[in-house]
Amino acid sequence: MDIKDKRQLSDAEATDLIKNVCKVINVSDIKNLDKTTRNEYLRQLKKEYHLSIRQIERLTGINRGVVLNA
C-alpha cells in the first residue's frame, strides 16, 4: 500500500496499513513485539504513512507516550 498524500486515513484504512507494514494479524499484536522492532514500526507509521500519534494509540492500545517517544 503506497500512501503519498497527507490526508488522514480512516481507522479501517489505518488498521489494514498497520497489519501490512508491521506484518501482524491483529493490530494489538504489535504490543507483543520486542521494543526495538515495535519502535521502528511506530516511527515508520508516523513518518512515512503520516498516521497520527492518537490514531496509532487508539488502534494498537499502545500508550501515547510510548508512540510519541518511538
PDB file of N, CA and C in Angstrom:
ATOM      1  N   MET A   1       0.857  -1.172   0.000  1.00  0.00           N
ATOM      2  CA  MET A   1       0.000   0.000   0.000  1.00  0.00           C
ATOM      3  C   MET A   1       0.901   1.233   0.000  1.00  0.00           C
ATOM      4  N   ASP A   2       0.692   2.109  -0.946  1.00  0.00           N
ATOM      5  CA  ASP A   2       1.535   3.283  -1.078  1.00  0.00           C
ATOM      6  C   ASP A   2       0.706   4.527  -0.790  1.00  0.00           C
ATOM      7  N   ILE A   3       0.945   5.130   0.354  1.00  0.00           N
ATOM      8  CA  ILE A   3       0.203   6.323   0.758  1.00  0.00           C
ATOM      9  C   ILE A   3       1.156   7.517   0.668  1.00  0.00           C
ATOM     10  N   LYS A   4       0.965   8.362  -0.335  1.00  0.00           N
ATOM     11  CA  LYS A   4       1.851   9.506  -0.516  1.00  0.00           C
ATOM     12  C   LYS A   4       1.212  10.808  -0.047  1.00  0.00           C
ATOM     13  N   ASP A   5      -0.110  10.900  -0.102  1.00  0.00           N
ATOM     14  CA  ASP A   5      -0.753  12.136   0.329  1.00  0.00           C
ATOM     15  C   ASP A   5      -0.831  12.191   1.851  1.00  0.00           C
ATOM     16  N   LYS A   6      -1.089  13.373   2.373  1.00  0.00           N
ATOM     17  CA  LYS A   6      -1.082  13.566   3.818  1.00  0.00           C
ATOM     18  C   LYS A   6      -2.482  13.614   4.411  1.00  0.00           C
ATOM     19  N   ARG A   7      -3.473  13.089   3.714  1.00  0.00           N
ATOM     20  CA  ARG A   7      -4.816  13.069   4.275  1.00  0.00           C
ATOM     21  C   ARG A   7      -4.872  12.047   5.406  1.00  0.00           C
ATOM     22  N   GLN A   8      -5.743  12.289   6.337  1.00  0.00           N
ATOM     23  CA  GLN A   8      -5.903  11.375   7.480  1.00  0.00           C
ATOM     24  C   GLN A   8      -6.651  10.133   7.018  1.00  0.00           C
ATOM     25  N   LEU A   9      -6.098   8.976   7.309  1.00  0.00           N
ATOM     26  CA  LEU A   9      -6.743   7.720   6.943  1.00  0.00           C
ATOM     27  C   LEU A   9      -7.856   7.406   7.919  1.00  0.00           C
ATOM     28  N   SER A  10      -8.872   6.718   7.432  1.00  0.00           N
ATOM     29  CA  SER A  10      -9.916   6.248   8.333  1.00  0.00           C
ATOM     30  C   SER A  10      -9.314   5.153   9.214  1.00  0.00           C
ATOM     31  N   ASP A  11      -9.991   4.825  10.307  1.00  0.00           N
ATOM     32  CA  ASP A  11      -9.479   3.783  11.197  1.00  0.00           C
ATOM     33  C   ASP A  11      -9.387   2.441  10.480  1.00  0.00           C
ATOM     34  N   ALA A  12     -10.332   2.147   9.609  1.00  0.00           N
ATOM     35  CA  ALA A  12     -10.301   0.884   8.865  1.00  0.00           C
ATOM     36  C   ALA A  12      -9.096   0.833   7.929  1.00  0.00           C
ATOM     37  N   GLU A  13      -8.838   1.939   7.228  1.00  0.00           N
ATOM     38  CA  GLU A  13      -7.673   2.005   6.339  1.00  0.00           C
ATOM     39  C   GLU A  13      -6.381   1.917   7.136  1.00  0.00           C
ATOM     40  N   ALA A  14      -6.324   2.618   8.258  1.00  0.00           N
ATOM     41  CA  ALA A  14      -5.132   2.606   9.100  1.00  0.00           C
ATOM     42  C   ALA A  14      -4.888   1.224   9.694  1.00  0.00           C
ATOM     43  N   THR A  15      -5.950   0.529  10.064  1.00  0.00           N
ATOM     44  CA  THR A  15      -5.823  -0.833  10.596  1.00  0.00           C
ATOM     45  C   THR A  15      -5.202  -1.752   9.556  1.00  0.00           C
ATOM     46  N   ASP A  16      -5.685  -1.685   8.325  1.00  0.00           N
ATOM     47  CA  ASP A  16      -5.121  -2.501   7.245  1.00  0.00           C
ATOM     48  C   ASP A  16      -3.660  -2.141   6.999  1.00  0.00           C
ATOM     49  N   LEU A  17      -3.351  -0.859   7.030  1.00  0.00           N
ATOM     50  CA  LEU A  17      -1.984  -0.403   6.828  1.00  0.00           C
ATOM     51  C   LEU A  17      -1.061  -0.947   7.916  1.00  0.00           C
ATOM     52  N   ILE A  18      -1.473  -0.845   9.167  1.00  0.00           N
ATOM     53  CA  ILE A  18      -0.657  -1.337  10.287  1.00  0.00           C
ATOM     54  C   ILE A  18      -0.424  -2.838  10.151  1.00  0.00           C
ATOM     55  N   LYS A  19      -1.458  -3.575   9.794  1.00  0.00           N
ATOM     56  CA  LYS A  19      -1.312  -5.028   9.622  1.00  0.00           C
ATOM     57  C   LYS A  19      -0.288  -5.353   8.540  1.00  0.00           C
ATOM     58  N   ASN A  20      -0.335  -4.625   7.427  1.00  0.00           N
ATOM     59  CA  ASN A  20       0.587  -4.877   6.319  1.00  0.00           C
ATOM     60  C   ASN A  20       2.012  -4.440   6.637  1.00  0.00           C
ATOM     61  N   VAL A  21       2.175  -3.262   7.189  1.00  0.00           N
ATOM     62  CA  VAL A  21       3.507  -2.734   7.472  1.00  0.00           C
ATOM     63  C   VAL A  21       4.194  -3.530   8.572  1.00  0.00           C
ATOM     64  N   CYS A  22       3.476  -3.825   9.630  1.00  0.00           N
ATOM     65  CA  CYS A  22       4.059  -4.489  10.800  1.00  0.00           C
ATOM     66  C   CYS A  22       4.009  -6.009  10.708  1.00  0.00           C
ATOM     67  N   LYS A  23       3.371  -6.528   9.673  1.00  0.00           N
ATOM     68  CA  LYS A  23       3.280  -7.977   9.456  1.00  0.00           C
ATOM     69  C   LYS A  23       2.696  -8.702  10.665  1.00  0.00           C
ATOM     70  N   VAL A  24       1.558  -8.181  11.135  1.00  0.00           N
ATOM     71  CA  VAL A  24       0.847  -8.788  12.263  1.00  0.00           C
ATOM     72  C   VAL A  24      -0.568  -9.141  11.817  1.00  0.00           C
ATOM     73  N   ILE A  25      -1.182 -10.068  12.542  1.00  0.00           N
ATOM     74  CA  ILE A  25      -2.547 -10.491  12.211  1.00  0.00           C
ATOM     75  C   ILE A  25      -3.557  -9.510  12.800  1.00  0.00           C
ATOM     76  N   ASN A  26      -3.356  -9.143  14.069  1.00  0.00           N
ATOM     77  CA  ASN A  26      -4.197  -8.144  14.739  1.00  0.00           C
ATOM     78  C   ASN A  26      -3.327  -6.958  15.100  1.00  0.00           C
ATOM     79  N   VAL A  27      -3.876  -5.751  15.000  1.00  0.00           N
ATOM     80  CA  VAL A  27      -3.070  -4.569  15.292  1.00  0.00           C
ATOM     81  C   VAL A  27      -2.577  -4.549  16.740  1.00  0.00           C
ATOM     82  N   SER A  28      -3.309  -5.186  17.642  1.00  0.00           N
ATOM     83  CA  SER A  28      -2.864  -5.211  19.035  1.00  0.00           C
ATOM     84  C   SER A  28      -1.645  -6.113  19.231  1.00  0.00           C
ATOM     85  N   ASP A  29      -1.336  -6.957  18.248  1.00  0.00           N
ATOM     86  CA  ASP A  29      -0.163  -7.832  18.336  1.00  0.00           C
ATOM     87  C   ASP A  29       1.149  -7.055  18.314  1.00  0.00           C
ATOM     88  N   ILE A  30       1.112  -5.823  17.860  1.00  0.00           N
ATOM     89  CA  ILE A  30       2.333  -5.010  17.827  1.00  0.00           C
ATOM     90  C   ILE A  30       2.881  -4.788  19.243  1.00  0.00           C
ATOM     91  N   LYS A  31       2.003  -4.851  20.242  1.00  0.00           N
ATOM     92  CA  LYS A  31       2.446  -4.705  21.637  1.00  0.00           C
ATOM     93  C   LYS A  31       3.340  -5.850  22.067  1.00  0.00           C
ATOM     94  N   ASN A  32       3.204  -7.005  21.425  1.00  0.00           N
ATOM     95  CA  ASN A  32       3.965  -8.189  21.808  1.00  0.00           C
ATOM     96  C   ASN A  32       5.331  -8.277  21.139  1.00  0.00           C
ATOM     97  N   LEU A  33       5.627  -7.361  20.222  1.00  0.00           N
ATOM     98  CA  LEU A  33       6.929  -7.357  19.559  1.00  0.00           C
ATOM     99  C   LEU A  33       7.997  -6.843  20.518  1.00  0.00           C
ATOM    100  N   ASP A  34       9.262  -7.183  20.231  1.00  0.00           N
ATOM    101  CA  ASP A  34      10.324  -6.644  21.085  1.00  0.00           C
ATOM    102  C   ASP A  34      10.381  -5.126  20.907  1.00  0.00           C
ATOM    103  N   LYS A  35      10.911  -4.459  21.898  1.00  0.00           N
ATOM    104  CA  LYS A  35      10.866  -2.997  21.982  1.00  0.00           C
ATOM    105  C   LYS A  35      11.489  -2.318  20.754  1.00  0.00           C
ATOM    106  N   THR A  36      12.632  -2.796  20.309  1.00  0.00           N
ATOM    107  CA  THR A  36      13.319  -2.180  19.177  1.00  0.00           C
ATOM    108  C   THR A  36      12.491  -2.290  17.899  1.00  0.00           C
ATOM    109  N   THR A  37      11.967  -3.466  17.636  1.00  0.00           N
ATOM    110  CA  THR A  37      11.153  -3.686  16.445  1.00  0.00           C
ATOM    111  C   THR A  37       9.872  -2.866  16.509  1.00  0.00           C
ATOM    112  N   ARG A  38       9.220  -2.885  17.663  1.00  0.00           N
ATOM    113  CA  ARG A  38       7.984  -2.117  17.849  1.00  0.00           C
ATOM    114  C   ARG A  38       8.223  -0.635  17.578  1.00  0.00           C
ATOM    115  N   ASN A  39       9.283  -0.086  18.157  1.00  0.00           N
ATOM    116  CA  ASN A  39       9.561   1.339  17.980  1.00  0.00           C
ATOM    117  C   ASN A  39       9.901   1.684  16.538  1.00  0.00           C
ATOM    118  N   GLU A  40      10.583   0.791  15.844  1.00  0.00           N
ATOM    119  CA  GLU A  40      10.899   1.021  14.436  1.00  0.00           C
ATOM    120  C   GLU A  40       9.618   1.079  13.603  1.00  0.00           C
ATOM    121  N   TYR A  41       8.699   0.151  13.861  1.00  0.00           N
ATOM    122  CA  TYR A  41       7.411   0.172  13.159  1.00  0.00           C
ATOM    123  C   TYR A  41       6.630   1.442  13.488  1.00  0.00           C
ATOM    124  N   LEU A  42       6.622   1.854  14.755  1.00  0.00           N
ATOM    125  CA  LEU A  42       5.888   3.062  15.140  1.00  0.00           C
ATOM    126  C   LEU A  42       6.465   4.294  14.440  1.00  0.00           C
ATOM    127  N   ARG A  43       7.796   4.401  14.370  1.00  0.00           N
ATOM    128  CA  ARG A  43       8.432   5.518  13.660  1.00  0.00           C
ATOM    129  C   ARG A  43       8.033   5.521  12.192  1.00  0.00           C
ATOM    130  N   GLN A  44       8.030   4.342  11.593  1.00  0.00           N
ATOM    131  CA  GLN A  44       7.668   4.221  10.186  1.00  0.00           C
ATOM    132  C   GLN A  44       6.218   4.645   9.960  1.00  0.00           C
ATOM    133  N   LEU A  45       5.321   4.216  10.819  1.00  0.00           N
ATOM    134  CA  LEU A  45       3.909   4.582  10.674  1.00  0.00           C
ATOM    135  C   LEU A  45       3.710   6.087  10.793  1.00  0.00           C
ATOM    136  N   LYS A  46       4.459   6.723  11.689  1.00  0.00           N
ATOM    137  CA  LYS A  46       4.317   8.169  11.879  1.00  0.00           C
ATOM    138  C   LYS A  46       4.942   8.948  10.734  1.00  0.00           C
ATOM    139  N   LYS A  47       6.167   8.619  10.341  1.00  0.00           N
ATOM    140  CA  LYS A  47       6.900   9.430   9.373  1.00  0.00           C
ATOM    141  C   LYS A  47       6.541   9.128   7.929  1.00  0.00           C
ATOM    142  N   GLU A  48       6.475   7.854   7.568  1.00  0.00           N
ATOM    143  CA  GLU A  48       6.235   7.506   6.165  1.00  0.00           C
ATOM    144  C   GLU A  48       4.756   7.490   5.793  1.00  0.00           C
ATOM    145  N   TYR A  49       3.907   7.096   6.730  1.00  0.00           N
ATOM    146  CA  TYR A  49       2.489   6.937   6.417  1.00  0.00           C
ATOM    147  C   TYR A  49       1.614   8.005   7.060  1.00  0.00           C
ATOM    148  N   HIS A  50       2.215   8.889   7.836  1.00  0.00           N
ATOM    149  CA  HIS A  50       1.534  10.055   8.408  1.00  0.00           C
ATOM    150  C   HIS A  50       0.340   9.713   9.285  1.00  0.00           C
ATOM    151  N   LEU A  51       0.427   8.580  10.002  1.00  0.00           N
ATOM    152  CA  LEU A  51      -0.614   8.268  10.975  1.00  0.00           C
ATOM    153  C   LEU A  51      -0.382   9.141  12.203  1.00  0.00           C
ATOM    154  N   SER A  52      -1.442   9.616  12.811  1.00  0.00           N
ATOM    155  CA  SER A  52      -1.292  10.458  13.991  1.00  0.00           C
ATOM    156  C   SER A  52      -0.971   9.586  15.204  1.00  0.00           C
ATOM    157  N   ILE A  53      -0.346  10.207  16.174  1.00  0.00           N
ATOM    158  CA  ILE A  53       0.009   9.516  17.414  1.00  0.00           C
ATOM    159  C   ILE A  53      -1.240   8.994  18.095  1.00  0.00           C
ATOM    160  N   ARG A  54      -2.268   9.799  18.144  1.00  0.00           N
ATOM    161  CA  ARG A  54      -3.511   9.381  18.795  1.00  0.00           C
ATOM    162  C   ARG A  54      -4.196   8.229  18.051  1.00  0.00           C
ATOM    163  N   GLN A  55      -4.136   8.248  16.723  1.00  0.00           N
ATOM    164  CA  GLN A  55      -4.749   7.166  15.973  1.00  0.00           C
ATOM    165  C   GLN A  55      -3.987   5.854  16.193  1.00  0.00           C
ATOM    166  N   ILE A  56      -2.661   5.921  16.189  1.00  0.00           N
ATOM    167  CA  ILE A  56      -1.863   4.725  16.465  1.00  0.00           C
ATOM    168  C   ILE A  56      -2.170   4.214  17.864  1.00  0.00           C
ATOM    169  N   GLU A  57      -2.243   5.126  18.824  1.00  0.00           N
ATOM    170  CA  GLU A  57      -2.557   4.748  20.205  1.00  0.00           C
ATOM    171  C   GLU A  57      -3.919   4.055  20.277  1.00  0.00           C
ATOM    172  N   ARG A  58      -4.902   4.645  19.643  1.00  0.00           N
ATOM    173  CA  ARG A  58      -6.265   4.126  19.701  1.00  0.00           C
ATOM    174  C   ARG A  58      -6.365   2.733  19.070  1.00  0.00           C
ATOM    175  N   LEU A  59      -5.708   2.538  17.948  1.00  0.00           N
ATOM    176  CA  LEU A  59      -5.833   1.281  17.219  1.00  0.00           C
ATOM    177  C   LEU A  59      -4.993   0.147  17.811  1.00  0.00           C
ATOM    178  N   THR A  60      -3.814   0.479  18.337  1.00  0.00           N
ATOM    179  CA  THR A  60      -2.908  -0.566  18.820  1.00  0.00           C
ATOM    180  C   THR A  60      -3.022  -0.818  20.311  1.00  0.00           C
ATOM    181  N   GLY A  61      -3.509   0.176  21.067  1.00  0.00           N
ATOM    182  CA  GLY A  61      -3.565   0.035  22.513  1.00  0.00           C
ATOM    183  C   GLY A  61      -2.255   0.382  23.186  1.00  0.00           C
ATOM    184  N   ILE A  62      -1.298   0.899  22.432  1.00  0.00           N
ATOM    185  CA  ILE A  62      -0.007   1.306  22.989  1.00  0.00           C
ATOM    186  C   ILE A  62      -0.152   2.726  23.530  1.00  0.00           C
ATOM    187  N   ASN A  63       0.373   2.960  24.715  1.00  0.00           N
ATOM    188  CA  ASN A  63       0.300   4.253  25.383  1.00  0.00           C
ATOM    189  C   ASN A  63       0.823   5.365  24.474  1.00  0.00           C
ATOM    190  N   ARG A  64       0.153   6.514  24.515  1.00  0.00           N
ATOM    191  CA  ARG A  64       0.526   7.660  23.679  1.00  0.00           C
ATOM    192  C   ARG A  64       1.965   8.106  23.903  1.00  0.00           C
ATOM    193  N   GLY A  65       2.424   8.049  25.134  1.00  0.00           N
ATOM    194  CA  GLY A  65       3.806   8.426  25.435  1.00  0.00           C
ATOM    195  C   GLY A  65       4.808   7.527  24.739  1.00  0.00           C
ATOM    196  N   VAL A  66       4.512   6.244  24.691  1.00  0.00           N
ATOM    197  CA  VAL A  66       5.397   5.283  24.015  1.00  0.00           C
ATOM    198  C   VAL A  66       5.418   5.579  22.515  1.00  0.00           C
ATOM    199  N   VAL A  67       4.250   5.834  21.934  1.00  0.00           N
ATOM    200  CA  VAL A  67       4.164   6.130  20.500  1.00  0.00           C
ATOM    201  C   VAL A  67       4.903   7.434  20.217  1.00  0.00           C
ATOM    202  N   LEU A  68       4.742   8.429  21.047  1.00  0.00           N
ATOM    203  CA  LEU A  68       5.384   9.718  20.860  1.00  0.00           C
ATOM    204  C   LEU A  68       6.900   9.608  20.900  1.00  0.00           C
ATOM    205  N   ASN A  69       7.422   8.832  21.836  1.00  0.00           N
ATOM    206  CA  ASN A  69       8.864   8.718  22.008  1.00  0.00           C
ATOM    207  C   ASN A  69       9.529   7.710  21.090  1.00  0.00           C
ATOM    208  N   ALA A  70       8.762   6.950  20.354  1.00  0.00           N
ATOM    209  CA  ALA A  70       9.342   5.925  19.459  1.00  0.00           C
ATOM    210  C   ALA A  70      10.107   6.579  18.326  1.00  0.00           C
TER     211      ALA A  70
END
